[in-house]
Amino acid sequence: QYKVPTLLIDIQNLMFRIMPDKSFNNTGLSKSNIITLAHSMRTLDFSN
């Protein structure tokens, strides 16, 4: 993606929130940190 679709990130984070914490055990980050990271990408746009 070169312009992050905000809706897609929001849906993804909603899914993350309802997933059990153990689902993130092999990612290197906690569930809350993954959600924070994904949220920080919402406004990325490299179009110009």
All heavy atoms as atom14 arrays in JSON, in Angstrom:
{
  "sequence": "QYKVPTLLIDIQNLMFRIMPDKSFNNTGLSKSNIITLAHSMRTLDFSN",
  "atom14_mask": [
    [1, 1, 1, 1, 1, 1, 1, 1, 1, 0, 0, 0, 0, 0],
    [1, 1, 1, 1, 1, 1, 1, 1, 1, 1, 1, 1, 0, 0],
    [1, 1, 1, 1, 1, 1, 1, 1, 1, 0, 0, 0, 0, 0],
    [1, 1, 1, 1, 1, 1, 1, 0, 0, 0, 0, 0, 0, 0],
    [1, 1, 1, 1, 1, 1, 1, 0, 0, 0, 0, 0, 0, 0],
    [1, 1, 1, 1, 1, 1, 1, 0, 0, 0, 0, 0, 0, 0],
    [1, 1, 1, 1, 1, 1, 1, 1, 0, 0, 0, 0, 0, 0],
    [1, 1, 1, 1, 1, 1, 1, 1, 0, 0, 0, 0, 0, 0],
    [1, 1, 1, 1, 1, 1, 1, 1, 0, 0, 0, 0, 0, 0],
    [1, 1, 1, 1, 1, 1, 1, 1, 0, 0, 0, 0, 0, 0],
    [1, 1, 1, 1, 1, 1, 1, 1, 0, 0, 0, 0, 0, 0],
    [1, 1, 1, 1, 1, 1, 1, 1, 1, 0, 0, 0, 0, 0],
    [1, 1, 1, 1, 1, 1, 1, 1, 0, 0, 0, 0, 0, 0],
    [1, 1, 1, 1, 1, 1, 1, 1, 0, 0, 0, 0, 0, 0],
    [1, 1, 1, 1, 1, 1, 1, 1, 0, 0, 0, 0, 0, 0],
    [1, 1, 1, 1, 1, 1, 1, 1, 1, 1, 1, 0, 0, 0],
    [1, 1, 1, 1, 1, 1, 1, 1, 1, 1, 1, 0, 0, 0],
    [1, 1, 1, 1, 1, 1, 1, 1, 0, 0, 0, 0, 0, 0],
    [1, 1, 1, 1, 1, 1, 1, 1, 0, 0, 0, 0, 0, 0],
    [1, 1, 1, 1, 1, 1, 1, 0, 0, 0, 0, 0, 0, 0],
    [1, 1, 1, 1, 1, 1, 1, 1, 0, 0, 0, 0, 0, 0],
    [1, 1, 1, 1, 1, 1, 1, 1, 1, 0, 0, 0, 0, 0],
    [1, 1, 1, 1, 1, 1, 0, 0, 0, 0, 0, 0, 0, 0],
    [1, 1, 1, 1, 1, 1, 1, 1, 1, 1, 1, 0, 0, 0],
    [1, 1, 1, 1, 1, 1, 1, 1, 0, 0, 0, 0, 0, 0],
    [1, 1, 1, 1, 1, 1, 1, 1, 0, 0, 0, 0, 0, 0],
    [1, 1, 1, 1, 1, 1, 1, 0, 0, 0, 0, 0, 0, 0],
    [1, 1, 1, 1, 0, 0, 0, 0, 0, 0, 0, 0, 0, 0],
    [1, 1, 1, 1, 1, 1, 1, 1, 0, 0, 0, 0, 0, 0],
    [1, 1, 1, 1, 1, 1, 0, 0, 0, 0, 0, 0, 0, 0],
    [1, 1, 1, 1, 1, 1, 1, 1, 1, 0, 0, 0, 0, 0],
    [1, 1, 1, 1, 1, 1, 0, 0, 0, 0, 0, 0, 0, 0],
    [1, 1, 1, 1, 1, 1, 1, 1, 0, 0, 0, 0, 0, 0],
    [1, 1, 1, 1, 1, 1, 1, 1, 0, 0, 0, 0, 0, 0],
    [1, 1, 1, 1, 1, 1, 1, 1, 0, 0, 0, 0, 0, 0],
    [1, 1, 1, 1, 1, 1, 1, 0, 0, 0, 0, 0, 0, 0],
    [1, 1, 1, 1, 1, 1, 1, 1, 0, 0, 0, 0, 0, 0],
    [1, 1, 1, 1, 1, 0, 0, 0, 0, 0, 0, 0, 0, 0],
    [1, 1, 1, 1, 1, 1, 1, 1, 1, 1, 0, 0, 0, 0],
    [1, 1, 1, 1, 1, 1, 0, 0, 0, 0, 0, 0, 0, 0],
    [1, 1, 1, 1, 1, 1, 1, 1, 0, 0, 0, 0, 0, 0],
    [1, 1, 1, 1, 1, 1, 1, 1, 1, 1, 1, 0, 0, 0],
    [1, 1, 1, 1, 1, 1, 1, 0, 0, 0, 0, 0, 0, 0],
    [1, 1, 1, 1, 1, 1, 1, 1, 0, 0, 0, 0, 0, 0],
    [1, 1, 1, 1, 1, 1, 1, 1, 0, 0, 0, 0, 0, 0],
    [1, 1, 1, 1, 1, 1, 1, 1, 1, 1, 1, 0, 0, 0],
    [1, 1, 1, 1, 1, 1, 0, 0, 0, 0, 0, 0, 0, 0],
    [1, 1, 1, 1, 1, 1, 1, 1, 0, 0, 0, 0, 0, 0]
  ],
  "atom14_positions": [
    [[0.88, -1.17, 0.0], [0.0, 0.0, 0.0], [0.92, 1.22, 0.0], [1.94, 1.22, 0.69], [-0.89, 0.03, 1.24], [-1.93, -1.06, 1.32], [-3.14, -0.81, 0.45], [-3.37, 0.31, -0.01], [-3.93, -1.84, 0.21], [0.0, 0.0, 0.0], [0.0, 0.0, 0.0], [0.0, 0.0, 0.0], [0.0, 0.0, 0.0], [0.0, 0.0, 0.0]],
    [[0.57, 2.24, -0.77], [1.34, 3.48, -0.72], [0.53, 4.6, -0.06], [1.06, 5.63, 0.3], [1.79, 3.91, -2.12], [0.66, 4.13, -3.1], [0.12, 5.4, -3.27], [0.14, 3.08, -3.83], [-0.92, 5.62, -4.16], [-0.9, 3.28, -4.73], [-1.43, 4.54, -4.88], [-2.47, 4.75, -5.76], [0.0, 0.0, 0.0], [0.0, 0.0, 0.0]],
    [[-0.76, 4.35, 0.1], [-1.63, 5.23, 0.87], [-2.48, 4.32, 1.75], [-3.36, 3.62, 1.26], [-2.52, 6.08, -0.03], [-3.46, 6.99, 0.74], [-4.31, 7.83, -0.21], [-5.23, 8.76, 0.58], [-6.09, 9.59, -0.31], [0.0, 0.0, 0.0], [0.0, 0.0, 0.0], [0.0, 0.0, 0.0], [0.0, 0.0, 0.0], [0.0, 0.0, 0.0]],
    [[-2.18, 4.31, 3.04], [-2.81, 3.34, 3.93], [-4.32, 3.6, 4.02], [-4.74, 4.72, 4.34], [-2.18, 3.4, 5.34], [-2.95, 2.52, 6.32], [-0.72, 2.98, 5.27], [0.0, 0.0, 0.0], [0.0, 0.0, 0.0], [0.0, 0.0, 0.0], [0.0, 0.0, 0.0], [0.0, 0.0, 0.0], [0.0, 0.0, 0.0], [0.0, 0.0, 0.0]],
    [[-5.13, 2.59, 3.73], [-6.58, 2.75, 3.86], [-6.98, 2.76, 5.34], [-6.88, 1.74, 6.02], [-7.14, 1.53, 3.13], [-6.05, 0.53, 3.12], [-4.76, 1.28, 3.19], [0.0, 0.0, 0.0], [0.0, 0.0, 0.0], [0.0, 0.0, 0.0], [0.0, 0.0, 0.0], [0.0, 0.0, 0.0], [0.0, 0.0, 0.0], [0.0, 0.0, 0.0]],
    [[-7.42, 3.89, 5.82], [-7.74, 4.06, 7.24], [-8.77, 3.04, 7.7], [-8.64, 2.47, 8.79], [-8.25, 5.48, 7.5], [-7.26, 6.41, 7.09], [-8.54, 5.68, 8.98], [0.0, 0.0, 0.0], [0.0, 0.0, 0.0], [0.0, 0.0, 0.0], [0.0, 0.0, 0.0], [0.0, 0.0, 0.0], [0.0, 0.0, 0.0], [0.0, 0.0, 0.0]],
    [[-9.79, 2.81, 6.89], [-10.84, 1.87, 7.27], [-10.28, 0.47, 7.47], [-10.66, -0.24, 8.41], [-11.94, 1.85, 6.21], [-13.12, 0.91, 6.47], [-13.82, 1.28, 7.78], [-14.1, 0.94, 5.3], [0.0, 0.0, 0.0], [0.0, 0.0, 0.0], [0.0, 0.0, 0.0], [0.0, 0.0, 0.0], [0.0, 0.0, 0.0], [0.0, 0.0, 0.0]],
    [[-9.35, 0.08, 6.6], [-8.74, -1.25, 6.71], [-7.97, -1.39, 8.02], [-8.05, -2.42, 8.7], [-7.81, -1.5, 5.52], [-7.17, -2.89, 5.42], [-8.24, -3.96, 5.27], [-6.2, -2.93, 4.24], [0.0, 0.0, 0.0], [0.0, 0.0, 0.0], [0.0, 0.0, 0.0], [0.0, 0.0, 0.0], [0.0, 0.0, 0.0], [0.0, 0.0, 0.0]],
    [[-7.22, -0.34, 8.38], [-6.49, -0.37, 9.65], [-7.45, -0.45, 10.82], [-7.23, -1.21, 11.78], [-5.6, 0.89, 9.78], [-4.43, 0.82, 8.8], [-5.07, 1.04, 11.21], [-3.37, -0.2, 9.13], [0.0, 0.0, 0.0], [0.0, 0.0, 0.0], [0.0, 0.0, 0.0], [0.0, 0.0, 0.0], [0.0, 0.0, 0.0], [0.0, 0.0, 0.0]],
    [[-8.54, 0.31, 10.76], [-9.5, 0.31, 11.86], [-10.17, -1.06, 12.02], [-10.37, -1.54, 13.14], [-10.56, 1.39, 11.63], [-9.99, 2.8, 11.79], [-8.9, 2.93, 12.38], [-10.64, 3.76, 11.34], [0.0, 0.0, 0.0], [0.0, 0.0, 0.0], [0.0, 0.0, 0.0], [0.0, 0.0, 0.0], [0.0, 0.0, 0.0], [0.0, 0.0, 0.0]],
    [[-10.5, -1.69, 10.9], [-11.11, -3.02, 10.96], [-10.1, -4.03, 11.49], [-10.44, -4.89, 12.32], [-11.61, -3.44, 9.56], [-12.79, -2.57, 9.14], [-12.0, -4.91, 9.54], [-13.25, -2.8, 7.71], [0.0, 0.0, 0.0], [0.0, 0.0, 0.0], [0.0, 0.0, 0.0], [0.0, 0.0, 0.0], [0.0, 0.0, 0.0], [0.0, 0.0, 0.0]],
    [[-8.87, -3.9, 11.03], [-7.81, -4.79, 11.5], [-7.62, -4.66, 13.01], [-7.51, -5.66, 13.73], [-6.5, -4.47, 10.77], [-5.33, -5.38, 11.13], [-4.06, -4.97, 10.41], [-3.63, -3.82, 10.49], [-3.47, -5.89, 9.69], [0.0, 0.0, 0.0], [0.0, 0.0, 0.0], [0.0, 0.0, 0.0], [0.0, 0.0, 0.0], [0.0, 0.0, 0.0]],
    [[-7.6, -3.43, 13.52], [-7.42, -3.22, 14.94], [-8.62, -3.73, 15.74], [-8.46, -4.21, 16.87], [-7.16, -1.74, 15.25], [-5.68, -1.42, 15.33], [-4.86, -2.31, 15.24], [-5.35, -0.15, 15.48], [0.0, 0.0, 0.0], [0.0, 0.0, 0.0], [0.0, 0.0, 0.0], [0.0, 0.0, 0.0], [0.0, 0.0, 0.0], [0.0, 0.0, 0.0]],
    [[-9.8, -3.63, 15.18], [-10.99, -4.17, 15.84], [-10.86, -5.69, 15.97], [-11.17, -6.26, 17.03], [-12.24, -3.82, 15.04], [-13.58, -4.34, 15.6], [-13.83, -3.76, 16.99], [-14.73, -3.99, 14.66], [0.0, 0.0, 0.0], [0.0, 0.0, 0.0], [0.0, 0.0, 0.0], [0.0, 0.0, 0.0], [0.0, 0.0, 0.0], [0.0, 0.0, 0.0]],
    [[-10.36, -6.31, 14.93], [-10.14, -7.76, 14.98], [-9.07, -8.11, 16.01], [-9.2, -9.08, 16.76], [-9.74, -8.27, 13.59], [-10.83, -8.17, 12.55], [-10.27, -8.64, 10.9], [-9.78, -10.35, 11.18], [0.0, 0.0, 0.0], [0.0, 0.0, 0.0], [0.0, 0.0, 0.0], [0.0, 0.0, 0.0], [0.0, 0.0, 0.0], [0.0, 0.0, 0.0]],
    [[-8.0, -7.3, 16.05], [-6.95, -7.53, 17.03], [-7.5, -7.48, 18.46], [-7.12, -8.26, 19.33], [-5.84, -6.5, 16.89], [-4.94, -6.7, 15.7], [-4.18, -5.64, 15.2], [-4.84, -7.92, 15.05], [-3.34, -5.81, 14.11], [-4.02, -8.11, 13.96], [-3.27, -7.05, 13.49], [0.0, 0.0, 0.0], [0.0, 0.0, 0.0], [0.0, 0.0, 0.0]],
    [[-8.39, -6.52, 18.7], [-8.92, -6.32, 20.05], [-9.73, -7.52, 20.56], [-9.73, -7.79, 21.77], [-9.8, -5.06, 20.09], [-9.01, -3.77, 19.93], [-9.9, -2.54, 19.97], [-9.18, -1.34, 19.62], [-8.39, -0.67, 20.44], [-8.23, -1.09, 21.69], [-7.75, 0.41, 20.03], [0.0, 0.0, 0.0], [0.0, 0.0, 0.0], [0.0, 0.0, 0.0]],
    [[-10.4, -8.23, 19.65], [-11.21, -9.36, 20.08], [-10.44, -10.68, 20.07], [-10.94, -11.69, 20.54], [-12.49, -9.48, 19.23], [-12.15, -9.75, 17.76], [-13.34, -8.22, 19.37], [-13.39, -9.92, 16.88], [0.0, 0.0, 0.0], [0.0, 0.0, 0.0], [0.0, 0.0, 0.0], [0.0, 0.0, 0.0], [0.0, 0.0, 0.0], [0.0, 0.0, 0.0]],
    [[-9.24, -10.65, 19.51], [-8.41, -11.87, 19.51], [-7.78, -12.08, 20.88], [-7.45, -11.12, 21.57], [-7.3, -11.75, 18.44], [-7.8, -11.79, 17.01], [-6.53, -11.33, 15.79], [-5.3, -12.61, 16.07], [0.0, 0.0, 0.0], [0.0, 0.0, 0.0], [0.0, 0.0, 0.0], [0.0, 0.0, 0.0], [0.0, 0.0, 0.0], [0.0, 0.0, 0.0]],
    [[-7.59, -13.33, 21.31], [-6.95, -13.59, 22.61], [-5.49, -13.17, 22.6], [-4.83, -13.2, 21.56], [-7.1, -15.11, 22.76], [-7.28, -15.63, 21.37], [-8.0, -14.56, 20.62], [0.0, 0.0, 0.0], [0.0, 0.0, 0.0], [0.0, 0.0, 0.0], [0.0, 0.0, 0.0], [0.0, 0.0, 0.0], [0.0, 0.0, 0.0], [0.0, 0.0, 0.0]],
    [[-5.0, -12.79, 23.77], [-3.61, -12.33, 23.87], [-2.61, -13.35, 23.36], [-1.58, -13.0, 22.77], [-3.28, -12.0, 25.34], [-4.03, -10.77, 25.83], [-4.71, -10.13, 25.01], [-3.94, -10.46, 27.04], [0.0, 0.0, 0.0], [0.0, 0.0, 0.0], [0.0, 0.0, 0.0], [0.0, 0.0, 0.0], [0.0, 0.0, 0.0], [0.0, 0.0, 0.0]],
    [[-2.92, -14.65, 23.56], [-1.97, -15.69, 23.17], [-1.75, -15.74, 21.65], [-0.75, -16.3, 21.18], [-2.43, -17.05, 23.68], [-3.74, -17.53, 23.09], [-4.14, -18.88, 23.67], [-5.46, -19.38, 23.07], [-5.85, -20.68, 23.66], [0.0, 0.0, 0.0], [0.0, 0.0, 0.0], [0.0, 0.0, 0.0], [0.0, 0.0, 0.0], [0.0, 0.0, 0.0]],
    [[-2.69, -15.15, 20.89], [-2.54, -15.14, 19.43], [-1.34, -14.32, 18.98], [-0.87, -14.46, 17.86], [-3.81, -14.57, 18.78], [-4.95, -15.33, 19.12], [0.0, 0.0, 0.0], [0.0, 0.0, 0.0], [0.0, 0.0, 0.0], [0.0, 0.0, 0.0], [0.0, 0.0, 0.0], [0.0, 0.0, 0.0], [0.0, 0.0, 0.0], [0.0, 0.0, 0.0]],
    [[-0.83, -13.47, 19.87], [0.28, -12.57, 19.53], [1.61, -13.04, 20.1], [2.61, -12.33, 20.0], [-0.04, -11.16, 20.03], [-1.31, -10.59, 19.46], [-2.53, -10.84, 20.06], [-1.29, -9.81, 18.32], [-3.71, -10.32, 19.54], [-2.45, -9.29, 17.79], [-3.67, -9.55, 18.39], [0.0, 0.0, 0.0], [0.0, 0.0, 0.0], [0.0, 0.0, 0.0]],
    [[1.62, -14.24, 20.67], [2.82, -14.73, 21.36], [4.04, -14.83, 20.46], [5.17, -14.65, 20.92], [2.55, -16.09, 22.01], [1.64, -16.0, 23.22], [1.41, -14.91, 23.74], [1.13, -17.13, 23.67], [0.0, 0.0, 0.0], [0.0, 0.0, 0.0], [0.0, 0.0, 0.0], [0.0, 0.0, 0.0], [0.0, 0.0, 0.0], [0.0, 0.0, 0.0]],
    [[3.83, -15.12, 19.19], [4.97, -15.34, 18.29], [5.31, -14.14, 17.42], [6.09, -14.25, 16.47], [4.68, -16.55, 17.39], [4.55, -17.84, 18.16], [5.27, -18.06, 19.14], [3.64, -18.7, 17.75], [0.0, 0.0, 0.0], [0.0, 0.0, 0.0], [0.0, 0.0, 0.0], [0.0, 0.0, 0.0], [0.0, 0.0, 0.0], [0.0, 0.0, 0.0]],
    [[4.73, -12.99, 17.74], [4.97, -11.8, 16.91], [6.09, -10.92, 17.42], [6.55, -10.03, 16.71], [3.69, -10.95, 16.81], [3.38, -10.41, 18.11], [2.51, -11.77, 16.31], [0.0, 0.0, 0.0], [0.0, 0.0, 0.0], [0.0, 0.0, 0.0], [0.0, 0.0, 0.0], [0.0, 0.0, 0.0], [0.0, 0.0, 0.0], [0.0, 0.0, 0.0]],
    [[6.5, -11.13, 18.65], [7.53, -10.27, 19.24], [6.98, -9.04, 19.91], [7.73, -8.23, 20.46], [0.0, 0.0, 0.0], [0.0, 0.0, 0.0], [0.0, 0.0, 0.0], [0.0, 0.0, 0.0], [0.0, 0.0, 0.0], [0.0, 0.0, 0.0], [0.0, 0.0, 0.0], [0.0, 0.0, 0.0], [0.0, 0.0, 0.0], [0.0, 0.0, 0.0]],
    [[5.66, -8.85, 19.86], [5.01, -7.71, 20.51], [3.76, -8.19, 21.24], [3.16, -9.21, 20.87], [4.6, -6.64, 19.49], [5.69, -5.8, 18.83], [5.05, -4.85, 17.84], [6.5, -5.03, 19.86], [0.0, 0.0, 0.0], [0.0, 0.0, 0.0], [0.0, 0.0, 0.0], [0.0, 0.0, 0.0], [0.0, 0.0, 0.0], [0.0, 0.0, 0.0]],
    [[3.36, -7.45, 22.25], [2.11, -7.77, 22.93], [0.92, -7.31, 22.09], [1.07, -6.54, 21.13], [2.06, -7.07, 24.29], [1.95, -5.66, 24.12], [0.0, 0.0, 0.0], [0.0, 0.0, 0.0], [0.0, 0.0, 0.0], [0.0, 0.0, 0.0], [0.0, 0.0, 0.0], [0.0, 0.0, 0.0], [0.0, 0.0, 0.0], [0.0, 0.0, 0.0]],
    [[-0.26, -7.76, 22.44], [-1.48, -7.37, 21.74], [-1.64, -5.85, 21.74], [-1.91, -5.25, 20.69], [-2.68, -8.04, 22.41], [-4.03, -7.62, 21.88], [-5.13, -8.4, 22.6], [-6.5, -7.94, 22.22], [-7.57, -8.75, 22.88], [0.0, 0.0, 0.0], [0.0, 0.0, 0.0], [0.0, 0.0, 0.0], [0.0, 0.0, 0.0], [0.0, 0.0, 0.0]],
    [[-1.47, -5.21, 22.88], [-1.66, -3.75, 22.97], [-0.62, -3.01, 22.14], [-0.92, -1.98, 21.51], [-1.61, -3.28, 24.42], [-0.34, -3.55, 25.0], [0.0, 0.0, 0.0], [0.0, 0.0, 0.0], [0.0, 0.0, 0.0], [0.0, 0.0, 0.0], [0.0, 0.0, 0.0], [0.0, 0.0, 0.0], [0.0, 0.0, 0.0], [0.0, 0.0, 0.0]],
    [[0.61, -3.53, 22.09], [1.65, -2.87, 21.3], [1.39, -3.01, 19.8], [1.67, -2.08, 19.03], [3.02, -3.45, 21.65], [3.48, -3.06, 23.04], [3.01, -2.07, 23.59], [4.38, -3.83, 23.62], [0.0, 0.0, 0.0], [0.0, 0.0, 0.0], [0.0, 0.0, 0.0], [0.0, 0.0, 0.0], [0.0, 0.0, 0.0], [0.0, 0.0, 0.0]],
    [[0.87, -4.16, 19.39], [0.51, -4.36, 17.98], [-0.58, -3.37, 17.57], [-0.53, -2.75, 16.5], [0.02, -5.8, 17.74], [1.19, -6.78, 17.76], [-0.74, -5.9, 16.43], [1.94, -6.93, 16.46], [0.0, 0.0, 0.0], [0.0, 0.0, 0.0], [0.0, 0.0, 0.0], [0.0, 0.0, 0.0], [0.0, 0.0, 0.0], [0.0, 0.0, 0.0]],
    [[-1.57, -3.19, 18.44], [-2.66, -2.26, 18.15], [-2.13, -0.83, 18.06], [-2.51, -0.07, 17.16], [-3.76, -2.38, 19.23], [-4.46, -3.73, 19.12], [-4.77, -1.24, 19.11], [-5.42, -4.04, 20.24], [0.0, 0.0, 0.0], [0.0, 0.0, 0.0], [0.0, 0.0, 0.0], [0.0, 0.0, 0.0], [0.0, 0.0, 0.0], [0.0, 0.0, 0.0]],
    [[-1.23, -0.46, 18.97], [-0.63, 0.88, 18.94], [0.16, 1.09, 17.66], [0.07, 2.15, 17.02], [0.3, 1.08, 20.16], [-0.46, 0.96, 21.35], [0.96, 2.45, 20.12], [0.0, 0.0, 0.0], [0.0, 0.0, 0.0], [0.0, 0.0, 0.0], [0.0, 0.0, 0.0], [0.0, 0.0, 0.0], [0.0, 0.0, 0.0], [0.0, 0.0, 0.0]],
    [[0.93, 0.08, 17.27], [1.73, 0.18, 16.05], [0.83, 0.34, 14.82], [1.07, 1.21, 13.98], [2.61, -1.06, 15.92], [3.39, -1.22, 14.61], [4.28, -0.02, 14.36], [4.2, -2.51, 14.62], [0.0, 0.0, 0.0], [0.0, 0.0, 0.0], [0.0, 0.0, 0.0], [0.0, 0.0, 0.0], [0.0, 0.0, 0.0], [0.0, 0.0, 0.0]],
    [[-0.19, -0.49, 14.72], [-1.09, -0.42, 13.57], [-1.78, 0.95, 13.51], [-1.92, 1.54, 12.44], [-2.13, -1.53, 13.64], [0.0, 0.0, 0.0], [0.0, 0.0, 0.0], [0.0, 0.0, 0.0], [0.0, 0.0, 0.0], [0.0, 0.0, 0.0], [0.0, 0.0, 0.0], [0.0, 0.0, 0.0], [0.0, 0.0, 0.0], [0.0, 0.0, 0.0]],
    [[-2.19, 1.46, 14.66], [-2.86, 2.77, 14.71], [-1.94, 3.88, 14.21], [-2.39, 4.84, 13.57], [-3.32, 3.07, 16.14], [-4.12, 4.34, 16.25], [-5.44, 4.43, 15.88], [-3.76, 5.59, 16.67], [-5.87, 5.67, 16.08], [-4.87, 6.39, 16.56], [0.0, 0.0, 0.0], [0.0, 0.0, 0.0], [0.0, 0.0, 0.0], [0.0, 0.0, 0.0]],
    [[-0.64, 3.75, 14.48], [0.32, 4.79, 14.08], [0.52, 4.85, 12.57], [1.14, 5.78, 12.06], [1.66, 4.55, 14.78], [2.36, 3.45, 14.22], [0.0, 0.0, 0.0], [0.0, 0.0, 0.0], [0.0, 0.0, 0.0], [0.0, 0.0, 0.0], [0.0, 0.0, 0.0], [0.0, 0.0, 0.0], [0.0, 0.0, 0.0], [0.0, 0.0, 0.0]],
    [[-0.02, 3.87, 11.85], [0.15, 3.81, 10.39], [-1.04, 4.4, 9.65], [-1.02, 4.48, 8.42], [0.36, 2.35, 9.96], [1.61, 1.71, 10.53], [1.55, -0.1, 10.5], [1.17, -0.43, 8.79], [0.0, 0.0, 0.0], [0.0, 0.0, 0.0], [0.0, 0.0, 0.0], [0.0, 0.0, 0.0], [0.0, 0.0, 0.0], [0.0, 0.0, 0.0]],
    [[-2.07, 4.83, 10.36], [-3.34, 5.23, 9.74], [-3.21, 6.36, 8.72], [-3.95, 6.42, 7.75], [-4.36, 5.65, 10.81], [-4.85, 4.52, 11.67], [-5.81, 5.0, 12.74], [-7.17, 5.19, 12.23], [-7.74, 6.37, 12.02], [-7.06, 7.49, 12.24], [-8.99, 6.44, 11.59], [0.0, 0.0, 0.0], [0.0, 0.0, 0.0], [0.0, 0.0, 0.0]],
    [[-2.28, 7.28, 8.93], [-2.2, 8.47, 8.07], [-1.07, 8.41, 7.05], [-0.79, 9.42, 6.38], [-2.02, 9.73, 8.94], [-0.82, 9.61, 9.71], [-3.2, 9.9, 9.89], [0.0, 0.0, 0.0], [0.0, 0.0, 0.0], [0.0, 0.0, 0.0], [0.0, 0.0, 0.0], [0.0, 0.0, 0.0], [0.0, 0.0, 0.0], [0.0, 0.0, 0.0]],
    [[-0.44, 7.27, 6.9], [0.68, 7.18, 5.95], [0.18, 7.33, 4.51], [-0.77, 6.65, 4.09], [1.4, 5.83, 6.1], [2.12, 5.59, 7.44], [2.71, 4.19, 7.45], [3.21, 6.64, 7.64], [0.0, 0.0, 0.0], [0.0, 0.0, 0.0], [0.0, 0.0, 0.0], [0.0, 0.0, 0.0], [0.0, 0.0, 0.0], [0.0, 0.0, 0.0]],
    [[0.81, 8.2, 3.76], [0.43, 8.46, 2.37], [1.66, 8.96, 1.61], [2.15, 10.06, 1.85], [-0.69, 9.49, 2.31], [-1.2, 9.73, 0.89], [-0.62, 9.16, -0.05], [-2.16, 10.49, 0.73], [0.0, 0.0, 0.0], [0.0, 0.0, 0.0], [0.0, 0.0, 0.0], [0.0, 0.0, 0.0], [0.0, 0.0, 0.0], [0.0, 0.0, 0.0]],
    [[2.16, 8.12, 0.71], [3.36, 8.47, -0.05], [3.04, 8.85, -1.5], [3.94, 8.87, -2.35], [4.35, 7.29, -0.03], [4.65, 6.8, 1.36], [4.47, 5.46, 1.69], [5.12, 7.67, 2.33], [4.75, 5.0, 2.97], [5.4, 7.21, 3.61], [5.21, 5.88, 3.93], [0.0, 0.0, 0.0], [0.0, 0.0, 0.0], [0.0, 0.0, 0.0]],
    [[1.79, 9.14, -1.77], [1.36, 9.43, -3.15], [2.2, 10.52, -3.81], [2.61, 10.39, -4.97], [-0.12, 9.86, -3.16], [-0.95, 8.88, -2.59], [0.0, 0.0, 0.0], [0.0, 0.0, 0.0], [0.0, 0.0, 0.0], [0.0, 0.0, 0.0], [0.0, 0.0, 0.0], [0.0, 0.0, 0.0], [0.0, 0.0, 0.0], [0.0, 0.0, 0.0]],
    [[2.46, 11.58, -3.1], [3.17, 12.73, -3.67], [4.67, 12.51, -3.78], [5.36, 13.29, -4.45], [2.9, 13.98, -2.84], [1.46, 14.42, -2.9], [0.77, 14.18, -3.89], [0.98, 15.06, -1.83], [0.0, 0.0, 0.0], [0.0, 0.0, 0.0], [0.0, 0.0, 0.0], [0.0, 0.0, 0.0], [0.0, 0.0, 0.0], [0.0, 0.0, 0.0]]
  ]
}
